[in-house]
C-alpha atoms as a PDB file:
ATOM      1  CA  UNK A   1     -14.869  -5.546  27.538  1.00  0.00           C
ATOM      2  CA  UNK A   2     -14.356  -8.853  25.858  1.00  0.00           C
ATOM      3  CA  UNK A   3     -11.889  -9.434  22.628  1.00  0.00           C
ATOM      4  CA  UNK A   4     -14.993 -11.316  20.768  1.00  0.00           C
ATOM      5  CA  UNK A   5     -17.059  -8.065  21.315  1.00  0.00           C
ATOM      6  CA  UNK A   6     -14.106  -5.867  19.972  1.00  0.00           C
ATOM      7  CA  UNK A   7     -13.646  -8.456  17.198  1.00  0.00           C
ATOM      8  CA  UNK A   8     -17.418  -8.355  16.017  1.00  0.00           C
ATOM      9  CA  UNK A   9     -17.066  -4.646  16.255  1.00  0.00           C
ATOM     10  CA  UNK A  10     -14.077  -4.313  13.983  1.00  0.00           C
ATOM     11  CA  UNK A  11     -15.484  -6.986  11.495  1.00  0.00           C
ATOM     12  CA  UNK A  12     -18.378  -4.699  10.754  1.00  0.00           C
ATOM     13  CA  UNK A  13     -16.225  -1.585  10.625  1.00  0.00           C
ATOM     14  CA  UNK A  14     -13.761  -3.269   7.940  1.00  0.00           C
ATOM     15  CA  UNK A  15     -16.316  -5.076   5.918  1.00  0.00           C
ATOM     16  CA  UNK A  16     -18.769  -2.578   5.874  1.00  0.00           C
ATOM     17  CA  UNK A  17     -21.496  -5.045   5.872  1.00  0.00           C
ATOM     18  CA  UNK A  18     -23.331  -7.039   8.698  1.00  0.00           C
ATOM     19  CA  UNK A  19     -23.590  -9.973   6.446  1.00  0.00           C
ATOM     20  CA  UNK A  20     -20.226 -10.195   5.545  1.00  0.00           C
ATOM     21  CA  UNK A  21     -18.853  -9.582   9.039  1.00  0.00           C
ATOM     22  CA  UNK A  22     -21.091 -12.188  10.424  1.00  0.00           C
ATOM     23  CA  UNK A  23     -20.086 -14.786   7.744  1.00  0.00           C
ATOM     24  CA  UNK A  24     -16.371 -13.975   8.400  1.00  0.00           C
ATOM     25  CA  UNK A  25     -16.999 -14.726  12.160  1.00  0.00           C
ATOM     26  CA  UNK A  26     -19.097 -17.799  11.581  1.00  0.00           C
ATOM     27  CA  UNK A  27     -21.861 -16.048  13.270  1.00  0.00           C
ATOM     28  CA  UNK A  28     -25.493 -15.109  12.851  1.00  0.00           C
ATOM     29  CA  UNK A  29     -26.277 -11.392  12.075  1.00  0.00           C
ATOM     30  CA  UNK A  30     -28.538 -11.420  15.121  1.00  0.00           C
ATOM     31  CA  UNK A  31     -25.417 -12.964  17.204  1.00  0.00           C
ATOM     32  CA  UNK A  32     -23.224 -10.114  15.598  1.00  0.00           C
ATOM     33  CA  UNK A  33     -25.600  -7.627  16.837  1.00  0.00           C
ATOM     34  CA  UNK A  34     -25.686  -8.992  20.140  1.00  0.00           C
ATOM     35  CA  UNK A  35     -21.977  -8.670  20.810  1.00  0.00           C
ATOM     36  CA  UNK A  36     -22.078  -5.096  19.651  1.00  0.00           C
ATOM     37  CA  UNK A  37     -24.848  -3.952  21.392  1.00  0.00           C
ATOM     38  CA  UNK A  38     -23.214  -5.723  24.949  1.00  0.00           C
ATOM     39  CA  UNK A  39     -19.918  -3.895  23.775  1.00  0.00           C
ATOM     40  CA  UNK A  40     -21.834  -0.371  23.868  1.00  0.00           C
ATOM     41  CA  UNK A  41     -23.530  -1.523  26.880  1.00  0.00           C
ATOM     42  CA  UNK A  42     -20.423  -2.069  28.845  1.00  0.00           C
ATOM     43  CA  UNK A  43     -18.722   1.162  27.565  1.00  0.00           C
ATOM     44  CA  UNK A  44     -21.721   3.285  28.425  1.00  0.00           C
ATOM     45  CA  UNK A  45     -21.549   4.648  24.896  1.00  0.00           C
ATOM     46  CA  UNK A  46     -23.179   4.498  21.477  1.00  0.00           C
ATOM     47  CA  UNK A  47     -20.607   3.060  18.749  1.00  0.00           C
ATOM     48  CA  UNK A  48     -23.208   2.725  15.860  1.00  0.00           C
ATOM     49  CA  UNK A  49     -25.984   4.759  14.789  1.00  0.00           C
ATOM     50  CA  UNK A  50     -28.509   2.728  12.811  1.00  0.00           C
ATOM     51  CA  UNK A  51     -30.987   4.126   9.936  1.00  0.00           C
ATOM     52  CA  UNK A  52     -33.347   2.196   7.470  1.00  0.00           C
ATOM     53  CA  UNK A  53     -30.367   0.804   5.262  1.00  0.00           C
ATOM     54  CA  UNK A  54     -27.011   2.536   6.621  1.00  0.00           C
ATOM     55  CA  UNK A  55     -24.761   2.396  10.104  1.00  0.00           C
ATOM     56  CA  UNK A  56     -22.614   4.918  10.699  1.00  0.00           C
ATOM     57  CA  UNK A  57     -19.962   5.054  13.394  1.00  0.00           C
ATOM     58  CA  UNK A  58     -20.390   7.380  16.162  1.00  0.00           C
ATOM     59  CA  UNK A  59     -17.533   9.777  17.251  1.00  0.00           C
ATOM     60  CA  UNK A  60     -17.035   7.152  20.003  1.00  0.00           C
ATOM     61  CA  UNK A  61     -16.749   4.334  17.501  1.00  0.00           C
ATOM     62  CA  UNK A  62     -14.637   6.254  15.388  1.00  0.00           C
ATOM     63  CA  UNK A  63     -12.253   6.940  18.516  1.00  0.00           C
ATOM     64  CA  UNK A  64     -12.425   3.279  19.468  1.00  0.00           C
ATOM     65  CA  UNK A  65     -11.547   1.585  15.904  1.00  0.00           C
ATOM     66  CA  UNK A  66      -7.702   1.918  16.089  1.00  0.00           C
ATOM     67  CA  UNK A  67      -7.625   0.702  19.842  1.00  0.00           C
ATOM     68  CA  UNK A  68      -9.740  -1.971  19.020  1.00  0.00           C
ATOM     69  CA  UNK A  69      -7.773  -3.015  16.077  1.00  0.00           C
ATOM     70  CA  UNK A  70      -4.571  -2.873  18.239  1.00  0.00           C
ATOM     71  CA  UNK A  71      -5.707  -5.008  20.845  1.00  0.00           C
ATOM     72  CA  UNK A  72      -6.752  -7.731  18.396  1.00  0.00           C
ATOM     73  CA  UNK A  73      -3.354  -7.687  16.727  1.00  0.00           C
ATOM     74  CA  UNK A  74      -1.763  -8.204  19.996  1.00  0.00           C
ATOM     75  CA  UNK A  75      -4.172 -11.253  20.767  1.00  0.00           C
ATOM     76  CA  UNK A  76      -3.346 -12.733  17.245  1.00  0.00           C
ATOM     77  CA  UNK A  77       0.687 -12.254  17.868  1.00  0.00           C
ATOM     78  CA  UNK A  78       0.319 -13.831  21.156  1.00  0.00           C
ATOM     79  CA  UNK A  79      -1.481 -16.820  20.163  1.00  0.00           C
ATOM     80  CA  UNK A  80       0.720 -17.016  16.997  1.00  0.00           C
ATOM     81  CA  UNK A  81       3.736 -16.802  19.176  1.00  0.00           C
ATOM     82  CA  UNK A  82       2.410 -19.374  21.724  1.00  0.00           C
ATOM     83  CA  UNK A  83       1.700 -21.848  18.680  1.00  0.00           C
ATOM     84  CA  UNK A  84       5.323 -21.178  17.341  1.00  0.00           C
ATOM     85  CA  UNK A  85       6.758 -22.103  20.634  1.00  0.00           C
ATOM     86  CA  UNK A  86       4.906 -25.323  21.034  1.00  0.00           C
ATOM     87  CA  UNK A  87       6.185 -25.989  17.288  1.00  0.00           C
ATOM     88  CA  UNK A  88       9.790 -25.511  18.348  1.00  0.00           C
ATOM     89  CA  UNK A  89      10.038 -22.457  16.076  1.00  0.00           C
ATOM     90  CA  UNK A  90      11.911 -19.476  17.674  1.00  0.00           C
ATOM     91  CA  UNK A  91      10.083 -16.632  15.847  1.00  0.00           C
ATOM     92  CA  UNK A  92       8.385 -15.891  12.704  1.00  0.00           C
ATOM     93  CA  UNK A  93       8.463 -13.131  10.110  1.00  0.00           C
ATOM     94  CA  UNK A  94       5.848 -12.734   7.730  1.00  0.00           C
ATOM     95  CA  UNK A  95       6.703 -10.103   5.004  1.00  0.00           C
ATOM     96  CA  UNK A  96       5.046  -8.866   1.578  1.00  0.00           C
ATOM     97  CA  UNK A  97       7.158  -7.782  -1.362  1.00  0.00           C
ATOM     98  CA  UNK A  98       6.173  -5.314  -4.045  1.00  0.00           C
ATOM     99  CA  UNK A  99       4.947  -7.207  -7.307  1.00  0.00           C
ATOM    100  CA  UNK A 100       6.353  -6.943  -9.496  1.00  0.00           C
ATOM    101  CA  UNK A 101       9.927  -6.665  -7.860  1.00  0.00           C
ATOM    102  CA  UNK A 102      11.303  -3.573  -8.610  1.00  0.00           C
ATOM    103  CA  UNK A 103      14.454  -3.442  -6.297  1.00  0.00           C
ATOM    104  CA  UNK A 104      16.988  -5.673  -5.352  1.00  0.00           C
ATOM    105  CA  UNK A 105      17.228  -4.639  -1.762  1.00  0.00           C
ATOM    106  CA  UNK A 106      14.200  -6.521  -0.327  1.00  0.00           C
ATOM    107  CA  UNK A 107      15.459  -9.635  -1.646  1.00  0.00           C
ATOM    108  CA  UNK A 108      19.045  -9.239  -0.134  1.00  0.00           C
ATOM    109  CA  UNK A 109      17.380  -7.995   3.202  1.00  0.00           C
ATOM    110  CA  UNK A 110      15.269 -11.240   3.718  1.00  0.00           C
ATOM    111  CA  UNK A 111      18.297 -13.616   2.564  1.00  0.00           C
ATOM    112  CA  UNK A 112      20.570 -11.696   5.164  1.00  0.00           C
ATOM    113  CA  UNK A 113      17.765 -12.165   7.685  1.00  0.00           C
ATOM    114  CA  UNK A 114      17.662 -15.768   7.319  1.00  0.00           C
ATOM    115  CA  UNK A 115      21.313 -16.276   7.327  1.00  0.00           C
ATOM    116  CA  UNK A 116      21.488 -14.434  10.747  1.00  0.00           C
ATOM    117  CA  UNK A 117      18.509 -15.904  12.135  1.00  0.00           C
ATOM    118  CA  UNK A 118      18.342 -19.321  10.970  1.00  0.00           C
ATOM    119  CA  UNK A 119      15.872 -20.620  13.777  1.00  0.00           C
ATOM    120  CA  UNK A 120      13.383 -18.111  12.634  1.00  0.00           C
ATOM    121  CA  UNK A 121      10.632 -19.222  10.092  1.00  0.00           C
ATOM    122  CA  UNK A 122      10.285 -16.373   7.346  1.00  0.00           C
ATOM    123  CA  UNK A 123       7.140 -16.692   5.277  1.00  0.00           C
ATOM    124  CA  UNK A 124       6.833 -14.094   1.883  1.00  0.00           C
ATOM    125  CA  UNK A 125       4.404 -12.936  -0.531  1.00  0.00           C
ATOM    126  CA  UNK A 126       4.016 -10.301  -2.813  1.00  0.00           C
ATOM    127  CA  UNK A 127       1.487  -7.516  -3.774  1.00  0.00           C
ATOM    128  CA  UNK A 128       1.139  -4.084  -5.231  1.00  0.00           C
ATOM    129  CA  UNK A 129       1.139  -1.460  -2.254  1.00  0.00           C
ATOM    130  CA  UNK A 130      -2.641  -1.017  -1.466  1.00  0.00           C
ATOM    131  CA  UNK A 131      -2.980  -4.852  -1.212  1.00  0.00           C
ATOM    132  CA  UNK A 132       0.290  -5.052   0.856  1.00  0.00           C
ATOM    133  CA  UNK A 133      -1.234  -2.464   3.494  1.00  0.00           C
ATOM    134  CA  UNK A 134      -4.275  -4.228   3.485  1.00  0.00           C
ATOM    135  CA  UNK A 135      -2.517  -7.222   4.646  1.00  0.00           C
ATOM    136  CA  UNK A 136      -0.594  -5.426   7.307  1.00  0.00           C
ATOM    137  CA  UNK A 137      -3.845  -4.238   8.621  1.00  0.00           C
ATOM    138  CA  UNK A 138      -5.343  -7.379   8.712  1.00  0.00           C
ATOM    139  CA  UNK A 139      -2.525  -9.192  10.399  1.00  0.00           C
ATOM    140  CA  UNK A 140      -1.615 -11.347   7.567  1.00  0.00           C
ATOM    141  CA  UNK A 141       1.976 -10.082   7.397  1.00  0.00           C
ATOM    142  CA  UNK A 142       4.230  -8.065   9.940  1.00  0.00           C
ATOM    143  CA  UNK A 143       5.722  -5.786   7.265  1.00  0.00           C
ATOM    144  CA  UNK A 144       5.382  -4.845   3.763  1.00  0.00           C
ATOM    145  CA  UNK A 145       7.124  -3.095   0.940  1.00  0.00           C
ATOM    146  CA  UNK A 146       5.085   0.076  -0.349  1.00  0.00           C
ATOM    147  CA  UNK A 147       5.191   3.014  -2.360  1.00  0.00           C
ATOM    148  CA  UNK A 148       3.806   5.341   0.435  1.00  0.00           C
ATOM    149  CA  UNK A 149       2.813   8.252  -1.503  1.00  0.00           C
ATOM    150  CA  UNK A 150       0.168   5.967  -3.111  1.00  0.00           C
ATOM    151  CA  UNK A 151      -1.681   4.351  -0.315  1.00  0.00           C
ATOM    152  CA  UNK A 152      -3.970   5.228   2.432  1.00  0.00           C
ATOM    153  CA  UNK A 153      -1.916   4.591   5.650  1.00  0.00           C
ATOM    154  CA  UNK A 154      -4.204   3.417   8.876  1.00  0.00           C
ATOM    155  CA  UNK A 155      -3.240   4.951  12.067  1.00  0.00           C
ATOM    156  CA  UNK A 156      -0.471   3.310  13.758  1.00  0.00           C
ATOM    157  CA  UNK A 157       1.407   2.304  10.752  1.00  0.00           C
ATOM    158  CA  UNK A 158       4.951   3.682  10.112  1.00  0.00           C
ATOM    159  CA  UNK A 159       6.901   3.647   7.004  1.00  0.00           C
ATOM    160  CA  UNK A 160      10.848   3.405   6.908  1.00  0.00           C
ATOM    161  CA  UNK A 161      11.523   5.059   3.889  1.00  0.00           C
ATOM    162  CA  UNK A 162      14.305   3.152   2.003  1.00  0.00           C
ATOM    163  CA  UNK A 163      14.823   4.704  -1.444  1.00  0.00           C
ATOM    164  CA  UNK A 164      13.319   6.674  -4.291  1.00  0.00           C
ATOM    165  CA  UNK A 165      12.566   4.639  -7.612  1.00  0.00           C
ATOM    166  CA  UNK A 166      12.749   6.668 -10.869  1.00  0.00           C
ATOM    167  CA  UNK A 167       9.807   6.913 -13.446  1.00  0.00           C
ATOM    168  CA  UNK A 168      11.298   6.685 -16.830  1.00  0.00           C
ATOM    169  CA  UNK A 169      10.028   6.561 -20.435  1.00  0.00           C
ATOM    170  CA  UNK A 170       9.849   3.153 -22.330  1.00  0.00           C
ATOM    171  CA  UNK A 171       9.361   3.821 -26.110  1.00  0.00           C
ATOM    172  CA  UNK A 172      10.556   1.917 -29.498  1.00  0.00           C
ATOM    173  CA  UNK A 173      14.119   2.235 -30.190  1.00  0.00           C
ATOM    174  CA  UNK A 174      13.090   3.588 -33.816  1.00  0.00           C
ATOM    175  CA  UNK A 175      11.381   6.363 -32.040  1.00  0.00           C
ATOM    176  CA  UNK A 176      12.828  10.012 -32.780  1.00  0.00           C
ATOM    177  CA  UNK A 177      13.024  10.697 -28.865  1.00  0.00           C
ATOM    178  CA  UNK A 178      15.108   7.587 -28.313  1.00  0.00           C
ATOM    179  CA  UNK A 179      18.133   9.387 -29.723  1.00  0.00           C
ATOM    180  CA  UNK A 180      17.867  11.688 -26.817  1.00  0.00           C
ATOM    181  CA  UNK A 181      19.687  10.399 -23.503  1.00  0.00           C
ATOM    182  CA  UNK A 182      17.261  12.308 -21.339  1.00  0.00           C
ATOM    183  CA  UNK A 183      13.785  13.438 -22.989  1.00  0.00           C
ATOM    184  CA  UNK A 184      12.539  16.627 -21.837  1.00  0.00           C
ATOM    185  CA  UNK A 185       8.679  16.103 -20.670  1.00  0.00           C
ATOM    186  CA  UNK A 186       7.473  19.018 -22.914  1.00  0.00           C
ATOM    187  CA  UNK A 187       8.257  16.767 -25.894  1.00  0.00           C
ATOM    188  CA  UNK A 188       5.697  14.380 -25.120  1.00  0.00           C
ATOM    189  CA  UNK A 189       3.169  16.943 -25.922  1.00  0.00           C
ATOM    190  CA  UNK A 190       1.740  15.588 -29.038  1.00  0.00           C
ATOM    191  CA  UNK A 191       3.314  12.017 -28.497  1.00  0.00           C
ATOM    192  CA  UNK A 192       0.698   9.133 -28.072  1.00  0.00           C
ATOM    193  CA  UNK A 193       0.986   7.598 -24.357  1.00  0.00           C
ATOM    194  CA  UNK A 194      -0.364   4.619 -23.017  1.00  0.00           C
ATOM    195  CA  UNK A 195      -1.040   5.143 -19.214  1.00  0.00           C
ATOM    196  CA  UNK A 196      -1.228   2.413 -16.685  1.00  0.00           C
ATOM    197  CA  UNK A 197      -4.688   1.045 -15.917  1.00  0.00           C
ATOM    198  CA  UNK A 198      -6.257  -1.348 -13.182  1.00  0.00           C
ATOM    199  CA  UNK A 199      -7.462  -0.472  -9.591  1.00  0.00           C
ATOM    200  CA  UNK A 200      -3.771  -1.343  -8.256  1.00  0.00           C
ATOM    201  CA  UNK A 201      -2.550   1.712 -10.435  1.00  0.00           C
ATOM    202  CA  UNK A 202      -5.297   3.813 -10.461  1.00  0.00           C
ATOM    203  CA  UNK A 203      -3.908   6.658  -7.765  1.00  0.00           C
ATOM    204  CA  UNK A 204      -0.209   6.463  -9.492  1.00  0.00           C
ATOM    205  CA  UNK A 205      -1.747   6.741 -13.112  1.00  0.00           C
ATOM    206  CA  UNK A 206      -3.778   9.834 -11.917  1.00  0.00           C
ATOM    207  CA  UNK A 207      -1.120  11.283 -10.371  1.00  0.00           C
ATOM    208  CA  UNK A 208       1.081  10.703 -13.351  1.00  0.00           C
ATOM    209  CA  UNK A 209      -1.490  12.357 -15.866  1.00  0.00           C
ATOM    210  CA  UNK A 210      -1.937  15.428 -13.772  1.00  0.00           C
ATOM    211  CA  UNK A 211       1.932  15.859 -13.511  1.00  0.00           C
ATOM    212  CA  UNK A 212       2.232  15.203 -17.190  1.00  0.00           C
ATOM    213  CA  UNK A 213      -0.518  17.824 -17.857  1.00  0.00           C
ATOM    214  CA  UNK A 214       1.090  20.587 -15.729  1.00  0.00           C
ATOM    215  CA  UNK A 215       4.480  19.952 -17.238  1.00  0.00           C
ATOM    216  CA  UNK A 216       3.327  20.017 -21.025  1.00  0.00           C
ATOM    217  CA  UNK A 217       0.738  22.848 -20.378  1.00  0.00           C
ATOM    218  CA  UNK A 218      -1.966  20.665 -22.038  1.00  0.00           C
ATOM    219  CA  UNK A 219      -3.766  17.172 -21.626  1.00  0.00           C
ATOM    220  CA  UNK A 220      -1.528  14.467 -22.541  1.00  0.00           C
ATOM    221  CA  UNK A 221      -2.337  12.253 -25.487  1.00  0.00           C
ATOM    222  CA  UNK A 222      -3.290   9.149 -24.048  1.00  0.00           C
ATOM    223  CA  UNK A 223      -4.463   6.538 -26.338  1.00  0.00           C
ATOM    224  CA  UNK A 224      -4.901   3.476 -24.183  1.00  0.00           C
ATOM    225  CA  UNK A 225      -4.852   2.457 -20.478  1.00  0.00           C
ATOM    226  CA  UNK A 226      -3.145  -0.758 -20.068  1.00  0.00           C
ATOM    227  CA  UNK A 227      -1.544  -2.880 -17.116  1.00  0.00           C
ATOM    228  CA  UNK A 228       2.172  -2.394 -17.079  1.00  0.00           C
ATOM    229  CA  UNK A 229       3.293  -5.615 -18.881  1.00  0.00           C
ATOM    230  CA  UNK A 230       0.664  -5.206 -21.700  1.00  0.00           C
ATOM    231  CA  UNK A 231       1.674  -1.389 -21.883  1.00  0.00           C
ATOM    232  CA  UNK A 232       5.275  -2.489 -22.269  1.00  0.00           C
ATOM    233  CA  UNK A 233       4.357  -5.122 -24.802  1.00  0.00           C
ATOM    234  CA  UNK A 234       2.367  -2.700 -26.798  1.00  0.00           C
ATOM    235  CA  UNK A 235       5.145  -0.357 -27.387  1.00  0.00           C
ATOM    236  CA  UNK A 236       7.647  -3.377 -28.130  1.00  0.00           C
ATOM    237  CA  UNK A 237       5.426  -3.828 -31.082  1.00  0.00           C
ATOM    238  CA  UNK A 238       4.831  -0.049 -32.019  1.00  0.00           C
ATOM    239  CA  UNK A 239       6.837   2.318 -33.688  1.00  0.00           C
ATOM    240  CA  UNK A 240       5.207   5.541 -32.076  1.00  0.00           C
ATOM    241  CA  UNK A 241       3.688   4.661 -28.791  1.00  0.00           C
ATOM    242  CA  UNK A 242       5.223   5.373 -25.680  1.00  0.00           C
ATOM    243  CA  UNK A 243       4.649   4.287 -22.056  1.00  0.00           C
ATOM    244  CA  UNK A 244       6.535   4.348 -18.740  1.00  0.00           C
ATOM    245  CA  UNK A 245       8.367   2.220 -16.412  1.00  0.00           C
ATOM    246  CA  UNK A 246       9.840   1.796 -13.173  1.00  0.00           C
ATOM    247  CA  UNK A 247      13.550   2.561 -13.289  1.00  0.00           C
ATOM    248  CA  UNK A 248      14.693  -0.080 -11.275  1.00  0.00           C
ATOM    249  CA  UNK A 249      12.751  -2.820 -13.051  1.00  0.00           C
ATOM    250  CA  UNK A 250      13.784  -1.357 -16.239  1.00  0.00           C
ATOM    251  CA  UNK A 251      17.397  -1.779 -15.271  1.00  0.00           C
ATOM    252  CA  UNK A 252      17.208  -5.326 -13.725  1.00  0.00           C
ATOM    253  CA  UNK A 253      14.713  -6.762 -16.015  1.00  0.00           C
ATOM    254  CA  UNK A 254      14.570  -4.767 -19.585  1.00  0.00           C
ATOM    255  CA  UNK A 255      12.075  -5.836 -21.825  1.00  0.00           C
ATOM    256  CA  UNK A 256      13.434  -6.562 -25.429  1.00  0.00           C
ATOM    257  CA  UNK A 257      12.478  -4.357 -28.225  1.00  0.00           C
ATOM    258  CA  UNK A 258      12.216  -1.363 -25.511  1.00  0.00           C
ATOM    259  CA  UNK A 259      14.438   1.545 -25.061  1.00  0.00           C
ATOM    260  CA  UNK A 260      14.349   3.320 -21.500  1.00  0.00           C
ATOM    261  CA  UNK A 261      15.261   7.020 -21.261  1.00  0.00           C
ATOM    262  CA  UNK A 262      15.312   9.346 -18.171  1.00  0.00           C
ATOM    263  CA  UNK A 263      12.940  12.235 -18.393  1.00  0.00           C
ATOM    264  CA  UNK A 264      13.772  15.763 -17.526  1.00  0.00           C
ATOM    265  CA  UNK A 265      12.457  16.819 -14.918  1.00  0.00           C
ATOM    266  CA  UNK A 266      12.435  13.559 -13.510  1.00  0.00           C
ATOM    267  CA  UNK A 267       9.606  12.082 -11.689  1.00  0.00           C
ATOM    268  CA  UNK A 268      10.359   9.857  -8.668  1.00  0.00           C
ATOM    269  CA  UNK A 269       8.376   7.789  -6.096  1.00  0.00           C
ATOM    270  CA  UNK A 270       9.073   6.834  -2.503  1.00  0.00           C
ATOM    271  CA  UNK A 271       9.684   3.472  -1.573  1.00  0.00           C
ATOM    272  CA  UNK A 272      10.041   2.085   1.728  1.00  0.00           C
ATOM    273  CA  UNK A 273       8.725  -0.895   4.350  1.00  0.00           C
ATOM    274  CA  UNK A 274       5.414  -0.479   6.237  1.00  0.00           C
ATOM    275  CA  UNK A 275       4.922  -2.089   9.833  1.00  0.00           C
ATOM    276  CA  UNK A 276       2.877  -1.359  12.794  1.00  0.00           C
ATOM    277  CA  UNK A 277       4.658   0.862  15.432  1.00  0.00           C
ATOM    278  CA  UNK A 278       3.157  -1.098  18.366  1.00  0.00           C
ATOM    279  CA  UNK A 279       4.402  -4.246  17.116  1.00  0.00           C
ATOM    280  CA  UNK A 280       7.055  -5.553  19.785  1.00  0.00           C
ATOM    281  CA  UNK A 281       7.991  -8.884  18.358  1.00  0.00           C
ATOM    282  CA  UNK A 282      11.585  -9.614  18.145  1.00  0.00           C
ATOM    283  CA  UNK A 283      11.639 -10.683  14.524  1.00  0.00           C
ATOM    284  CA  UNK A 284      10.418  -7.377  13.550  1.00  0.00           C
ATOM    285  CA  UNK A 285      12.817  -5.647  15.780  1.00  0.00           C
ATOM    286  CA  UNK A 286      15.577  -7.797  14.250  1.00  0.00           C
ATOM    287  CA  UNK A 287      14.430  -6.984  10.881  1.00  0.00           C
ATOM    288  CA  UNK A 288      14.224  -3.142  11.431  1.00  0.00           C
ATOM    289  CA  UNK A 289      17.824  -3.322  13.011  1.00  0.00           C
ATOM    290  CA  UNK A 290      19.323  -5.311   9.980  1.00  0.00           C
ATOM    291  CA  UNK A 291      17.719  -2.364   7.689  1.00  0.00           C
ATOM    292  CA  UNK A 292      19.366   0.176   9.633  1.00  0.00           C
ATOM    293  CA  UNK A 293      22.770  -1.718   8.995  1.00  0.00           C
ATOM    294  CA  UNK A 294      22.122  -2.438   5.293  1.00  0.00           C
ATOM    295  CA  UNK A 295      20.357   0.431   3.913  1.00  0.00           C
ATOM    296  CA  UNK A 296      21.868   3.409   2.730  1.00  0.00           C
ATOM    297  CA  UNK A 297      20.070   5.697   4.868  1.00  0.00           C
ATOM    298  CA  UNK A 298      16.592   7.499   3.958  1.00  0.00           C
ATOM    299  CA  UNK A 299      16.374   9.663   0.853  1.00  0.00           C
ATOM    300  CA  UNK A 300      17.507  13.222   1.571  1.00  0.00           C
ATOM    301  CA  UNK A 301      16.406  16.226  -0.334  1.00  0.00           C
ATOM    302  CA  UNK A 302      14.867  16.045  -3.664  1.00  0.00           C
ATOM    303  CA  UNK A 303      17.825  16.650  -6.424  1.00  0.00           C
ATOM    304  CA  UNK A 304      17.332  19.530  -8.657  1.00  0.00           C
ATOM    305  CA  UNK A 305      15.079  18.597 -11.614  1.00  0.00           C
ATOM    306  CA  UNK A 306      13.560  15.870 -10.064  1.00  0.00           C
ATOM    307  CA  UNK A 307       9.822  15.736  -8.477  1.00  0.00           C
ATOM    308  CA  UNK A 308       8.466  13.230  -5.877  1.00  0.00           C
ATOM    309  CA  UNK A 309       5.158  12.206  -7.000  1.00  0.00           C
ATOM    310  CA  UNK A 310       2.278  11.303  -4.412  1.00  0.00           C
ATOM    311  CA  UNK A 311      -1.392  11.149  -5.048  1.00  0.00           C
ATOM    312  CA  UNK A 312      -3.716  14.065  -4.049  1.00  0.00           C
ATOM    313  CA  UNK A 313      -5.862  13.626  -0.971  1.00  0.00           C
ATOM    314  CA  UNK A 314      -9.473  13.125  -1.999  1.00  0.00           C
ATOM    315  CA  UNK A 315     -12.096  15.982  -1.483  1.00  0.00           C
ATOM    316  CA  UNK A 316     -13.818  15.696   2.065  1.00  0.00           C
ATOM    317  CA  UNK A 317     -16.537  13.240   2.223  1.00  0.00           C
ATOM    318  CA  UNK A 318     -18.310  10.852   4.310  1.00  0.00           C
ATOM    319  CA  UNK A 319     -16.059   7.781   3.685  1.00  0.00           C
ATOM    320  CA  UNK A 320     -17.157   4.313   4.235  1.00  0.00           C
ATOM    321  CA  UNK A 321     -16.114   2.099   7.148  1.00  0.00           C
ATOM    322  CA  UNK A 322     -15.014  -0.578   4.810  1.00  0.00           C
ATOM    323  CA  UNK A 323     -12.515   2.146   3.411  1.00  0.00           C
ATOM    324  CA  UNK A 324     -11.221   3.293   6.932  1.00  0.00           C
ATOM    325  CA  UNK A 325      -8.813   5.752   5.410  1.00  0.00           C
ATOM    326  CA  UNK A 326      -6.904   8.506   6.244  1.00  0.00           C
ATOM    327  CA  UNK A 327      -5.385  11.541   4.300  1.00  0.00           C
ATOM    328  CA  UNK A 328      -2.343  10.377   2.160  1.00  0.00           C
ATOM    329  CA  UNK A 329       0.525  11.505   4.509  1.00  0.00           C
ATOM    330  CA  UNK A 330       3.113   9.546   6.119  1.00  0.00           C
ATOM    331  CA  UNK A 331       3.986   8.219   8.622  1.00  0.00           C
ATOM    332  CA  UNK A 332       1.208   9.522  11.299  1.00  0.00           C
ATOM    333  CA  UNK A 333      -2.342   9.678  10.141  1.00  0.00           C
ATOM    334  CA  UNK A 334      -5.844  10.005  11.868  1.00  0.00           C
ATOM    335  CA  UNK A 335      -8.890   8.181  11.232  1.00  0.00           C
ATOM    336  CA  UNK A 336     -11.908   9.434   9.616  1.00  0.00           C
ATOM    337  CA  UNK A 337     -15.536   9.066   9.900  1.00  0.00           C
ATOM    338  CA  UNK A 338     -17.210   5.830   8.630  1.00  0.00           C
ATOM    339  CA  UNK A 339     -20.589   4.465   6.677  1.00  0.00           C
ATOM    340  CA  UNK A 340     -21.534   0.810   6.769  1.00  0.00           C
ATOM    341  CA  UNK A 341     -24.450  -0.998   5.367  1.00  0.00           C
ATOM    342  CA  UNK A 342     -26.680  -3.265   7.568  1.00  0.00           C
ATOM    343  CA  UNK A 343     -28.068  -5.190   4.604  1.00  0.00           C
END
């Protein structure tokens, strides 16, 4: 079993398309198919079932996929470590923040890591939770900050919970509800609301809408779907429209012209660091030890009058190989079946 064969197999399962997978590997489609057939022959089992326009992973293919990805990650880490050693770098840590930044801890953590391990090279980027998990799965980063309740966690990824973010109300200072220190959710029954829009916030927005409907006993009065920054800007120029914001961001970077109020009951979202359990790199080990030292501990029980929001698993279906998703439950998750296109 050759790593190049596994890389071909993983590319098709990840991209869900033979043409895109072949282009990514700089292969022709016949060359890509040849590697996969050679892998099937060596393993003595069929990994893919081809029909006119679709390719389905067999049970064997589904079982092989997480192991193949793990082997490729090990190869990539080994090659990267060898290159770093040749370049005189003692180690490398690649980490992705949440964007926009909502809590100060990631920045403090990275600064302390750089201070303690000055010979280790640190690279940082930022993205929303789904993008950060994709970067982690593709080997582009070693660890990523995420809201785990709103992403599908591939098998093998663990999440070290670090805290909970509070969802607060963002409203015009002249709004009648701004007179309250904590706004009952039921008071939003007839208020015009802006909910976040975009694929990055789809699961969160849907969960928030369902939570609001359950709390107020009716469908919320949603007048628009906007990205977070645009939603806050609309509220700042309004006298009646309301939206929502991350409590940590509201505290650290409040938007002028916005009044922030806590809700009752209070919606919360978990926050943590995602990484692969089988990653034995010294840089990640040092980062996790530093987290244990600096963090206040994992979140405990949910306080009374609060509720942790998390996306609901979708209905059973035949998921695509490009999605390669598992139920929304952390930290140990199983793989599902897959469907890919051969066009």
